[in-house]
Amino acid sequence: MSGPHVVRFESTFGAWLTDPEGGLTVTYGFDPVALCTGTATFDVMDFTQIASPSGELRYLWHVHGDVQTAVWPFAVEGLPCDLFTTIPPVASGISRLTYQDNDVFTGSNPDSRNANTFGYMANGKLELPGGAPAPFNAVTRCVWDGNDPTSLKCTDHIKVVGA
């Protein structure tokens, strides 16, 4: 292979992230209430996958698109269906999400010497429960050595104006 191999495709996407410091959780690409009741569908996003020209198992991902987004007034580990199904979001709507990962399969490649950095950025104008606009932005940045799960370090920041 003389250069990087680039593949573009569409695929479903969903993620949730917590901001423990801000006390918020954000969900992207799906309705968590529907997920908790077994009826979820996921939004479709544009993916770009770039394979290393060296032939090693290293793929860079760039994912972007407009996704359904909801911000919830709690920050707990896991997928807390008991909270999603009983507490309304503080804001919801559509945001523009970008996800980047410099080495998607780091954990599958024991010979990898790359630090895997990845993260999300989302921006949009969500709505508060009463219908007022709520400017929104969220950023997540992570780094992982690709081998030791305890080395994964992430920083999450979620901001909703007016909530």
Foldseek 3Di string as FASTA:
>chain_A
DQFKDKDKDKDFDKDKDFAQVQFKIKIWFWQLLCVLVVRIDGDIWMKMWIHGPVPPQFIKIKIKDKTKMFMARGGDPDSPNVCSNPGHTQWIDIKIKIKIWGGVQLLVHPPDQDWIKIKMWIWDFTAGPVGDTWTWIKIKIWTHRNHDPVRIDMHIDIDTPPD
